[in-house]
Amino acid sequence: MHPGVNRAHRLLLEILHLDPLPVSQYGDGACLESSDASMNPRKKSAGKTKSDEIFIPDKLYFRIGEVASLCRLPAYVLRFWESEFPQLKPVKSSTGQRMYRRRDVESVLHIKQLLYEQGFTIVGARLQLRSETKTEKGQVAIPFPGQSPAEIQHIRQGLREILNMLKARRTG
């Protein structure tokens, strides 16, 4: 057992993205380290990454444990990211469990890519996501076909007649 290493210290090392000691040196059997290389953000890979290869099942909702497994992240990181990224807002069930939608899982994967693979800080990733959202909102909407005021008046008159017919049926 490594002297002076406790659970809080291990969590701090992982939050700071420092390599934790091997599990055998902890002595208590707790495992924060994974054999999966994507859990260690310090190891950068070239080309296609594991986050590109993740298959998201066709489901309406995912629990936090499922998202953690899919994204290869600890659940506490997901909870922390919820407080740091306003885009990440899973709904809560009646029992208080976090229920992630598909777009939430995609957001988690994008945040993971920004932080772990592209080297953004949390503040930088937040700004990047905000700028991406602004460019999406900045796209010009497809205009509806223009209607002349006379055509709109004719449509309104037709709707009023339908409304009067429905009122007459209800009272009569």
N, C-alpha and C. Protein backbone atom coordinates (compact mmCIF):
# COMPACT_ATOMS: atom_id res chain seq x y z
N MET A 1 0.84 -1.19 0.00
CA MET A 1 0.00 0.00 0.00
C MET A 1 0.88 1.24 0.00
N HIS A 2 0.50 2.19 -0.82
CA HIS A 2 1.27 3.43 -0.93
C HIS A 2 0.89 4.35 0.23
N PRO A 3 1.86 4.87 0.99
CA PRO A 3 1.54 5.70 2.16
C PRO A 3 0.88 7.02 1.74
N GLY A 4 -0.14 7.39 2.48
CA GLY A 4 -0.78 8.70 2.30
C GLY A 4 -1.76 8.77 1.14
N VAL A 5 -2.08 7.66 0.51
CA VAL A 5 -3.02 7.68 -0.62
C VAL A 5 -4.36 7.16 -0.12
N ASN A 6 -5.36 8.01 -0.13
CA ASN A 6 -6.69 7.59 0.27
C ASN A 6 -7.66 7.88 -0.87
N ARG A 7 -8.91 7.59 -0.65
CA ARG A 7 -9.93 7.74 -1.70
C ARG A 7 -10.03 9.18 -2.18
N ALA A 8 -10.03 10.15 -1.28
CA ALA A 8 -10.12 11.56 -1.66
C ALA A 8 -8.92 11.97 -2.53
N HIS A 9 -7.76 11.47 -2.18
CA HIS A 9 -6.55 11.79 -2.95
C HIS A 9 -6.65 11.21 -4.36
N ARG A 10 -7.15 9.97 -4.46
CA ARG A 10 -7.31 9.34 -5.77
C ARG A 10 -8.30 10.12 -6.63
N LEU A 11 -9.42 10.54 -6.02
CA LEU A 11 -10.41 11.32 -6.76
C LEU A 11 -9.82 12.64 -7.25
N LEU A 12 -9.04 13.29 -6.40
CA LEU A 12 -8.40 14.55 -6.78
C LEU A 12 -7.44 14.33 -7.94
N LEU A 13 -6.68 13.26 -7.90
CA LEU A 13 -5.76 12.95 -9.00
C LEU A 13 -6.53 12.76 -10.30
N GLU A 14 -7.65 12.06 -10.21
CA GLU A 14 -8.41 11.81 -11.43
C GLU A 14 -9.06 13.08 -11.96
N ILE A 15 -9.59 13.92 -11.08
CA ILE A 15 -10.19 15.18 -11.52
C ILE A 15 -9.15 16.07 -12.18
N LEU A 16 -7.95 16.07 -11.65
CA LEU A 16 -6.87 16.88 -12.21
C LEU A 16 -6.22 16.22 -13.42
N HIS A 17 -6.76 15.06 -13.82
CA HIS A 17 -6.26 14.33 -14.99
C HIS A 17 -4.82 13.88 -14.83
N LEU A 18 -4.45 13.50 -13.62
CA LEU A 18 -3.12 12.95 -13.38
C LEU A 18 -3.24 11.44 -13.31
N ASP A 19 -2.21 10.75 -13.72
CA ASP A 19 -2.26 9.30 -13.68
C ASP A 19 -2.30 8.82 -12.24
N PRO A 20 -3.34 8.04 -11.88
CA PRO A 20 -3.38 7.49 -10.53
C PRO A 20 -2.38 6.34 -10.41
N LEU A 21 -2.11 5.95 -9.17
CA LEU A 21 -1.23 4.83 -8.93
C LEU A 21 -1.92 3.55 -9.35
N PRO A 22 -1.20 2.50 -9.68
CA PRO A 22 -1.85 1.23 -10.02
C PRO A 22 -2.71 0.75 -8.87
N VAL A 23 -3.75 0.00 -9.21
CA VAL A 23 -4.71 -0.46 -8.21
C VAL A 23 -4.03 -1.26 -7.10
N SER A 24 -3.05 -2.03 -7.45
CA SER A 24 -2.39 -2.87 -6.45
C SER A 24 -1.74 -2.05 -5.35
N GLN A 25 -1.41 -0.78 -5.63
CA GLN A 25 -0.77 0.05 -4.61
C GLN A 25 -1.78 0.74 -3.70
N TYR A 26 -3.06 0.71 -4.06
CA TYR A 26 -4.07 1.32 -3.20
C TYR A 26 -4.38 0.44 -2.00
N GLY A 27 -4.41 -0.84 -2.23
CA GLY A 27 -4.61 -1.76 -1.14
C GLY A 27 -6.05 -1.98 -0.72
N ASP A 28 -6.96 -1.08 -1.06
CA ASP A 28 -8.34 -1.25 -0.61
C ASP A 28 -9.23 -1.86 -1.68
N GLY A 29 -8.68 -2.18 -2.84
CA GLY A 29 -9.44 -2.83 -3.90
C GLY A 29 -10.28 -1.87 -4.72
N ALA A 30 -10.32 -0.59 -4.35
CA ALA A 30 -11.09 0.37 -5.14
C ALA A 30 -10.38 0.61 -6.45
N CYS A 31 -11.15 0.66 -7.49
CA CYS A 31 -10.53 0.80 -8.81
C CYS A 31 -11.05 2.05 -9.49
N LEU A 32 -10.22 3.05 -9.62
CA LEU A 32 -10.56 4.23 -10.39
C LEU A 32 -9.89 4.19 -11.75
N GLU A 33 -8.98 3.30 -11.89
CA GLU A 33 -8.21 3.19 -13.12
C GLU A 33 -8.87 2.15 -14.00
N SER A 34 -8.84 2.36 -15.29
CA SER A 34 -9.44 1.42 -16.22
C SER A 34 -8.40 0.97 -17.22
N SER A 35 -8.60 -0.22 -17.74
CA SER A 35 -7.69 -0.68 -18.78
C SER A 35 -7.98 0.02 -20.09
N ASP A 36 -9.13 0.68 -20.18
CA ASP A 36 -9.51 1.41 -21.38
C ASP A 36 -8.71 2.70 -21.49
N ALA A 37 -8.03 2.90 -22.59
CA ALA A 37 -7.17 4.07 -22.76
C ALA A 37 -7.96 5.36 -22.83
N SER A 38 -9.25 5.30 -23.18
CA SER A 38 -10.01 6.54 -23.30
C SER A 38 -10.31 7.16 -21.94
N MET A 39 -10.14 6.42 -20.85
CA MET A 39 -10.37 6.98 -19.53
C MET A 39 -9.23 7.91 -19.12
N ASN A 40 -8.08 7.77 -19.74
CA ASN A 40 -6.94 8.59 -19.39
C ASN A 40 -6.81 9.71 -20.41
N PRO A 41 -7.21 10.93 -20.05
CA PRO A 41 -7.22 12.01 -21.02
C PRO A 41 -5.84 12.47 -21.44
N ARG A 42 -4.80 12.05 -20.75
CA ARG A 42 -3.46 12.53 -21.07
C ARG A 42 -2.90 11.83 -22.30
N LYS A 43 -3.44 10.67 -22.62
CA LYS A 43 -2.95 9.93 -23.78
C LYS A 43 -3.70 10.39 -25.02
N LYS A 44 -3.04 11.10 -25.87
CA LYS A 44 -3.65 11.59 -27.09
C LYS A 44 -3.42 10.57 -28.19
N SER A 45 -4.42 10.36 -29.00
CA SER A 45 -4.26 9.43 -30.11
C SER A 45 -4.47 10.17 -31.41
N ALA A 46 -3.80 9.71 -32.43
CA ALA A 46 -3.92 10.33 -33.74
C ALA A 46 -4.97 9.57 -34.54
N GLY A 47 -5.62 10.28 -35.45
CA GLY A 47 -6.59 9.63 -36.32
C GLY A 47 -7.90 9.39 -35.61
N LYS A 48 -8.51 8.27 -35.94
CA LYS A 48 -9.82 7.97 -35.39
C LYS A 48 -9.72 7.61 -33.91
N THR A 49 -10.60 8.18 -33.10
CA THR A 49 -10.55 7.96 -31.66
C THR A 49 -11.68 7.05 -31.24
N LYS A 50 -11.62 6.58 -30.00
CA LYS A 50 -12.66 5.68 -29.50
C LYS A 50 -14.01 6.38 -29.41
N SER A 51 -14.03 7.71 -29.17
CA SER A 51 -15.32 8.40 -29.09
C SER A 51 -16.00 8.44 -30.44
N ASP A 52 -15.22 8.33 -31.56
CA ASP A 52 -15.81 8.28 -32.88
C ASP A 52 -16.48 6.93 -33.13
N GLU A 53 -16.05 5.89 -32.44
CA GLU A 53 -16.52 4.54 -32.69
C GLU A 53 -17.68 4.14 -31.79
N ILE A 54 -18.14 5.00 -30.91
CA ILE A 54 -19.17 4.63 -29.95
C ILE A 54 -20.52 4.55 -30.63
N PHE A 55 -21.21 3.44 -30.40
CA PHE A 55 -22.55 3.23 -30.93
C PHE A 55 -23.55 3.55 -29.82
N ILE A 56 -24.46 4.48 -30.09
CA ILE A 56 -25.48 4.85 -29.12
C ILE A 56 -26.74 4.07 -29.46
N PRO A 57 -27.21 3.21 -28.56
CA PRO A 57 -28.42 2.42 -28.85
C PRO A 57 -29.63 3.32 -29.10
N ASP A 58 -30.60 2.79 -29.83
CA ASP A 58 -31.81 3.54 -30.16
C ASP A 58 -32.80 3.42 -29.01
N LYS A 59 -32.62 4.28 -28.00
CA LYS A 59 -33.49 4.30 -26.82
C LYS A 59 -33.91 5.74 -26.56
N LEU A 60 -35.01 5.92 -25.86
CA LEU A 60 -35.44 7.27 -25.51
C LEU A 60 -34.59 7.85 -24.39
N TYR A 61 -34.35 7.06 -23.35
CA TYR A 61 -33.63 7.55 -22.18
C TYR A 61 -32.54 6.58 -21.75
N PHE A 62 -31.49 7.16 -21.17
CA PHE A 62 -30.38 6.38 -20.63
C PHE A 62 -30.15 6.82 -19.20
N ARG A 63 -29.89 5.87 -18.31
CA ARG A 63 -29.52 6.22 -16.94
C ARG A 63 -28.06 6.63 -16.91
N ILE A 64 -27.66 7.28 -15.83
CA ILE A 64 -26.30 7.82 -15.74
C ILE A 64 -25.25 6.71 -15.85
N GLY A 65 -25.52 5.53 -15.30
CA GLY A 65 -24.58 4.42 -15.40
C GLY A 65 -24.40 3.95 -16.84
N GLU A 66 -25.50 3.96 -17.60
CA GLU A 66 -25.41 3.56 -19.01
C GLU A 66 -24.60 4.58 -19.80
N VAL A 67 -24.82 5.86 -19.53
CA VAL A 67 -24.08 6.91 -20.23
C VAL A 67 -22.60 6.83 -19.85
N ALA A 68 -22.32 6.59 -18.58
CA ALA A 68 -20.94 6.47 -18.13
C ALA A 68 -20.24 5.32 -18.86
N SER A 69 -20.93 4.20 -19.01
CA SER A 69 -20.34 3.06 -19.73
C SER A 69 -20.15 3.36 -21.21
N LEU A 70 -21.17 3.94 -21.83
CA LEU A 70 -21.09 4.27 -23.25
C LEU A 70 -19.93 5.23 -23.54
N CYS A 71 -19.82 6.25 -22.72
CA CYS A 71 -18.84 7.31 -22.95
C CYS A 71 -17.49 7.01 -22.31
N ARG A 72 -17.42 5.93 -21.56
CA ARG A 72 -16.18 5.53 -20.88
C ARG A 72 -15.70 6.63 -19.94
N LEU A 73 -16.64 7.10 -19.12
CA LEU A 73 -16.35 8.13 -18.12
C LEU A 73 -16.95 7.72 -16.80
N PRO A 74 -16.37 8.12 -15.68
CA PRO A 74 -17.01 7.87 -14.39
C PRO A 74 -18.27 8.72 -14.23
N ALA A 75 -19.24 8.23 -13.49
CA ALA A 75 -20.50 8.94 -13.30
C ALA A 75 -20.30 10.30 -12.64
N TYR A 76 -19.33 10.42 -11.73
CA TYR A 76 -19.14 11.70 -11.06
C TYR A 76 -18.67 12.78 -12.03
N VAL A 77 -17.97 12.38 -13.10
CA VAL A 77 -17.55 13.35 -14.11
C VAL A 77 -18.78 13.89 -14.83
N LEU A 78 -19.72 13.00 -15.14
CA LEU A 78 -20.96 13.45 -15.80
C LEU A 78 -21.72 14.42 -14.91
N ARG A 79 -21.81 14.10 -13.62
CA ARG A 79 -22.51 15.01 -12.70
C ARG A 79 -21.80 16.35 -12.62
N PHE A 80 -20.47 16.34 -12.60
CA PHE A 80 -19.70 17.59 -12.57
C PHE A 80 -19.93 18.39 -13.84
N TRP A 81 -19.90 17.72 -14.99
CA TRP A 81 -20.10 18.42 -16.25
C TRP A 81 -21.48 19.06 -16.34
N GLU A 82 -22.48 18.45 -15.71
CA GLU A 82 -23.82 19.05 -15.69
C GLU A 82 -23.78 20.43 -15.05
N SER A 83 -22.92 20.60 -14.05
CA SER A 83 -22.84 21.91 -13.38
C SER A 83 -21.99 22.90 -14.18
N GLU A 84 -21.14 22.41 -15.07
CA GLU A 84 -20.24 23.27 -15.83
C GLU A 84 -20.73 23.63 -17.22
N PHE A 85 -21.56 22.79 -17.82
CA PHE A 85 -22.01 23.00 -19.19
C PHE A 85 -23.53 23.11 -19.22
N PRO A 86 -24.06 24.31 -19.50
CA PRO A 86 -25.51 24.47 -19.50
C PRO A 86 -26.22 23.65 -20.58
N GLN A 87 -25.49 23.22 -21.61
CA GLN A 87 -26.09 22.42 -22.67
C GLN A 87 -26.45 21.02 -22.18
N LEU A 88 -25.84 20.59 -21.11
CA LEU A 88 -26.02 19.24 -20.60
C LEU A 88 -27.04 19.28 -19.46
N LYS A 89 -28.29 18.99 -19.78
CA LYS A 89 -29.37 19.04 -18.79
C LYS A 89 -30.24 17.79 -18.90
N PRO A 90 -29.82 16.69 -18.29
CA PRO A 90 -30.69 15.51 -18.33
C PRO A 90 -31.93 15.75 -17.48
N VAL A 91 -33.04 15.17 -17.91
CA VAL A 91 -34.26 15.30 -17.12
C VAL A 91 -34.15 14.34 -15.94
N LYS A 92 -34.91 14.61 -14.90
CA LYS A 92 -34.90 13.71 -13.74
C LYS A 92 -36.24 13.00 -13.66
N SER A 93 -36.17 11.72 -13.38
CA SER A 93 -37.39 10.92 -13.26
C SER A 93 -38.11 11.27 -11.96
N SER A 94 -39.26 10.67 -11.77
CA SER A 94 -40.01 10.93 -10.53
C SER A 94 -39.26 10.46 -9.30
N THR A 95 -38.33 9.52 -9.49
CA THR A 95 -37.52 9.04 -8.37
C THR A 95 -36.22 9.81 -8.22
N GLY A 96 -36.00 10.82 -9.07
CA GLY A 96 -34.81 11.65 -8.97
C GLY A 96 -33.61 11.15 -9.76
N GLN A 97 -33.79 10.08 -10.54
CA GLN A 97 -32.68 9.57 -11.34
C GLN A 97 -32.50 10.43 -12.59
N ARG A 98 -31.24 10.64 -12.96
CA ARG A 98 -30.95 11.39 -14.18
C ARG A 98 -31.28 10.51 -15.37
N MET A 99 -32.04 11.07 -16.30
CA MET A 99 -32.41 10.35 -17.51
C MET A 99 -31.89 11.16 -18.71
N TYR A 100 -30.85 10.64 -19.34
CA TYR A 100 -30.21 11.32 -20.46
C TYR A 100 -30.91 10.94 -21.76
N ARG A 101 -31.15 11.92 -22.61
CA ARG A 101 -31.67 11.66 -23.95
C ARG A 101 -30.50 11.44 -24.90
N ARG A 102 -30.79 11.05 -26.11
CA ARG A 102 -29.74 10.79 -27.10
C ARG A 102 -28.89 12.04 -27.31
N ARG A 103 -29.54 13.21 -27.40
CA ARG A 103 -28.78 14.44 -27.65
C ARG A 103 -27.88 14.76 -26.45
N ASP A 104 -28.29 14.38 -25.23
CA ASP A 104 -27.43 14.57 -24.06
C ASP A 104 -26.18 13.69 -24.17
N VAL A 105 -26.38 12.44 -24.61
CA VAL A 105 -25.24 11.52 -24.77
C VAL A 105 -24.29 12.08 -25.84
N GLU A 106 -24.87 12.58 -26.93
CA GLU A 106 -24.03 13.17 -27.98
C GLU A 106 -23.27 14.39 -27.46
N SER A 107 -23.92 15.18 -26.61
CA SER A 107 -23.25 16.34 -26.01
C SER A 107 -22.10 15.89 -25.11
N VAL A 108 -22.32 14.83 -24.33
CA VAL A 108 -21.27 14.32 -23.45
C VAL A 108 -20.07 13.88 -24.30
N LEU A 109 -20.33 13.19 -25.38
CA LEU A 109 -19.23 12.73 -26.25
C LEU A 109 -18.49 13.91 -26.87
N HIS A 110 -19.23 14.96 -27.24
CA HIS A 110 -18.60 16.14 -27.82
C HIS A 110 -17.75 16.87 -26.78
N ILE A 111 -18.28 17.00 -25.56
CA ILE A 111 -17.53 17.64 -24.48
C ILE A 111 -16.27 16.83 -24.17
N LYS A 112 -16.41 15.51 -24.13
CA LYS A 112 -15.25 14.64 -23.88
C LYS A 112 -14.19 14.85 -24.95
N GLN A 113 -14.62 14.95 -26.20
CA GLN A 113 -13.67 15.16 -27.30
C GLN A 113 -12.95 16.50 -27.13
N LEU A 114 -13.71 17.55 -26.80
CA LEU A 114 -13.10 18.87 -26.62
C LEU A 114 -12.08 18.87 -25.49
N LEU A 115 -12.45 18.27 -24.36
CA LEU A 115 -11.59 18.31 -23.18
C LEU A 115 -10.41 17.35 -23.29
N TYR A 116 -10.69 16.11 -23.63
CA TYR A 116 -9.66 15.08 -23.55
C TYR A 116 -8.83 14.95 -24.81
N GLU A 117 -9.44 15.13 -25.97
CA GLU A 117 -8.71 14.91 -27.22
C GLU A 117 -8.15 16.19 -27.82
N GLN A 118 -8.92 17.29 -27.71
CA GLN A 118 -8.46 18.55 -28.30
C GLN A 118 -7.75 19.44 -27.29
N GLY A 119 -7.80 19.09 -26.02
CA GLY A 119 -7.04 19.80 -25.01
C GLY A 119 -7.65 21.10 -24.53
N PHE A 120 -8.94 21.31 -24.73
CA PHE A 120 -9.60 22.52 -24.23
C PHE A 120 -9.68 22.48 -22.71
N THR A 121 -9.68 23.66 -22.09
CA THR A 121 -10.02 23.75 -20.67
C THR A 121 -11.54 23.72 -20.58
N ILE A 122 -12.07 23.62 -19.38
CA ILE A 122 -13.52 23.60 -19.22
C ILE A 122 -14.11 24.92 -19.72
N VAL A 123 -13.48 26.03 -19.36
CA VAL A 123 -13.97 27.34 -19.81
C VAL A 123 -13.88 27.43 -21.34
N GLY A 124 -12.77 26.97 -21.90
CA GLY A 124 -12.60 27.01 -23.34
C GLY A 124 -13.62 26.13 -24.06
N ALA A 125 -13.88 24.95 -23.52
CA ALA A 125 -14.88 24.06 -24.12
C ALA A 125 -16.27 24.68 -24.05
N ARG A 126 -16.57 25.33 -22.92
CA ARG A 126 -17.87 25.99 -22.77
C ARG A 126 -18.03 27.08 -23.82
N LEU A 127 -16.97 27.88 -24.03
CA LEU A 127 -17.01 28.94 -25.04
C LEU A 127 -17.12 28.35 -26.45
N GLN A 128 -16.42 27.26 -26.71
CA GLN A 128 -16.49 26.60 -28.02
C GLN A 128 -17.90 26.11 -28.30
N LEU A 129 -18.52 25.47 -27.31
CA LEU A 129 -19.88 24.98 -27.48
C LEU A 129 -20.85 26.13 -27.71
N ARG A 130 -20.65 27.21 -26.98
CA ARG A 130 -21.51 28.39 -27.14
C ARG A 130 -21.36 28.97 -28.55
N SER A 131 -20.12 29.05 -29.06
CA SER A 131 -19.93 29.60 -30.41
C SER A 131 -20.50 28.67 -31.47
N GLU A 132 -20.43 27.35 -31.25
CA GLU A 132 -21.03 26.41 -32.19
C GLU A 132 -22.54 26.57 -32.22
N THR A 133 -23.14 26.80 -31.06
CA THR A 133 -24.58 26.99 -30.98
C THR A 133 -24.99 28.29 -31.69
N LYS A 134 -24.19 29.33 -31.53
CA LYS A 134 -24.50 30.61 -32.19
C LYS A 134 -24.44 30.47 -33.70
N THR A 135 -23.47 29.73 -34.23
CA THR A 135 -23.38 29.58 -35.68
C THR A 135 -24.56 28.78 -36.20
N GLU A 136 -25.04 27.80 -35.42
CA GLU A 136 -26.22 27.05 -35.84
C GLU A 136 -27.45 27.94 -35.84
N LYS A 137 -27.57 28.81 -34.82
CA LYS A 137 -28.71 29.71 -34.77
C LYS A 137 -28.61 30.81 -35.81
N GLY A 138 -27.39 31.12 -36.25
CA GLY A 138 -27.19 32.19 -37.21
C GLY A 138 -27.57 31.81 -38.63
N GLN A 139 -27.91 30.54 -38.88
CA GLN A 139 -28.30 30.12 -40.21
C GLN A 139 -29.63 30.74 -40.57
N VAL A 140 -29.77 31.10 -41.83
CA VAL A 140 -30.99 31.75 -42.30
C VAL A 140 -32.08 30.70 -42.45
N ALA A 141 -33.24 31.00 -41.90
CA ALA A 141 -34.38 30.09 -41.98
C ALA A 141 -34.97 30.16 -43.38
N ILE A 142 -35.57 29.06 -43.80
CA ILE A 142 -36.23 29.03 -45.10
C ILE A 142 -37.49 29.88 -44.98
N PRO A 143 -37.64 30.86 -45.85
CA PRO A 143 -38.81 31.73 -45.73
C PRO A 143 -40.08 31.00 -46.17
N PHE A 144 -41.17 31.31 -45.48
CA PHE A 144 -42.46 30.78 -45.88
C PHE A 144 -42.92 31.51 -47.13
N PRO A 145 -43.74 30.86 -47.94
CA PRO A 145 -44.24 31.57 -49.13
C PRO A 145 -45.03 32.80 -48.70
N GLY A 146 -44.78 33.89 -49.35
CA GLY A 146 -45.45 35.14 -49.00
C GLY A 146 -46.92 35.11 -49.35
N GLN A 147 -47.73 35.58 -48.45
CA GLN A 147 -49.18 35.65 -48.67
C GLN A 147 -49.57 37.13 -48.70
N SER A 148 -50.41 37.46 -49.63
CA SER A 148 -50.87 38.84 -49.69
C SER A 148 -51.87 39.08 -48.57
N PRO A 149 -52.04 40.34 -48.15
CA PRO A 149 -53.02 40.63 -47.10
C PRO A 149 -54.43 40.17 -47.45
N ALA A 150 -54.79 40.22 -48.71
CA ALA A 150 -56.13 39.78 -49.11
C ALA A 150 -56.29 38.27 -48.89
N GLU A 151 -55.22 37.50 -49.21
CA GLU A 151 -55.28 36.05 -49.01
C GLU A 151 -55.38 35.72 -47.52
N ILE A 152 -54.64 36.44 -46.71
CA ILE A 152 -54.69 36.20 -45.25
C ILE A 152 -56.08 36.53 -44.72
N GLN A 153 -56.67 37.62 -45.20
CA GLN A 153 -58.02 38.00 -44.77
C GLN A 153 -59.03 36.92 -45.16
N HIS A 154 -58.88 36.36 -46.36
CA HIS A 154 -59.77 35.31 -46.83
C HIS A 154 -59.63 34.06 -45.95
N ILE A 155 -58.41 33.70 -45.58
CA ILE A 155 -58.18 32.54 -44.70
C ILE A 155 -58.80 32.78 -43.33
N ARG A 156 -58.62 33.97 -42.78
CA ARG A 156 -59.22 34.30 -41.48
C ARG A 156 -60.74 34.19 -41.52
N GLN A 157 -61.33 34.70 -42.61
CA GLN A 157 -62.79 34.65 -42.74
C GLN A 157 -63.26 33.20 -42.77
N GLY A 158 -62.53 32.33 -43.49
CA GLY A 158 -62.89 30.92 -43.55
C GLY A 158 -62.79 30.26 -42.18
N LEU A 159 -61.75 30.61 -41.42
CA LEU A 159 -61.60 30.05 -40.07
C LEU A 159 -62.72 30.52 -39.14
N ARG A 160 -63.13 31.78 -39.27
CA ARG A 160 -64.24 32.29 -38.46
C ARG A 160 -65.53 31.53 -38.77
N GLU A 161 -65.78 31.27 -40.05
CA GLU A 161 -66.98 30.53 -40.43
C GLU A 161 -66.96 29.12 -39.84
N ILE A 162 -65.80 28.47 -39.87
CA ILE A 162 -65.69 27.13 -39.27
C ILE A 162 -65.94 27.20 -37.78
N LEU A 163 -65.38 28.21 -37.11
CA LEU A 163 -65.58 28.38 -35.67
C LEU A 163 -67.06 28.59 -35.35
N ASN A 164 -67.75 29.42 -36.13
CA ASN A 164 -69.18 29.66 -35.90
C ASN A 164 -69.98 28.39 -36.11
N MET A 165 -69.61 27.58 -37.10
CA MET A 165 -70.33 26.31 -37.34
C MET A 165 -70.14 25.37 -36.15
N LEU A 166 -68.92 25.33 -35.60
CA LEU A 166 -68.67 24.45 -34.46
C LEU A 166 -69.42 24.94 -33.21
N LYS A 167 -69.49 26.25 -33.02
CA LYS A 167 -70.23 26.78 -31.88
C LYS A 167 -71.69 26.46 -31.99
N ALA A 168 -72.24 26.58 -33.19
CA ALA A 168 -73.67 26.29 -33.43
C ALA A 168 -73.97 24.81 -33.16
N ARG A 169 -73.07 23.91 -33.51
CA ARG A 169 -73.28 22.48 -33.28
C ARG A 169 -73.27 22.15 -31.79
N ARG A 170 -72.41 22.85 -31.05
CA ARG A 170 -72.27 22.58 -29.63
C ARG A 170 -73.50 23.08 -28.86
N THR A 171 -74.01 24.22 -29.22
CA THR A 171 -75.17 24.78 -28.49
C THR A 171 -76.48 24.20 -29.01
N GLY A 172 -76.51 23.70 -30.22
CA GLY A 172 -77.77 23.24 -30.82
C GLY A 172 -78.01 21.83 -30.71
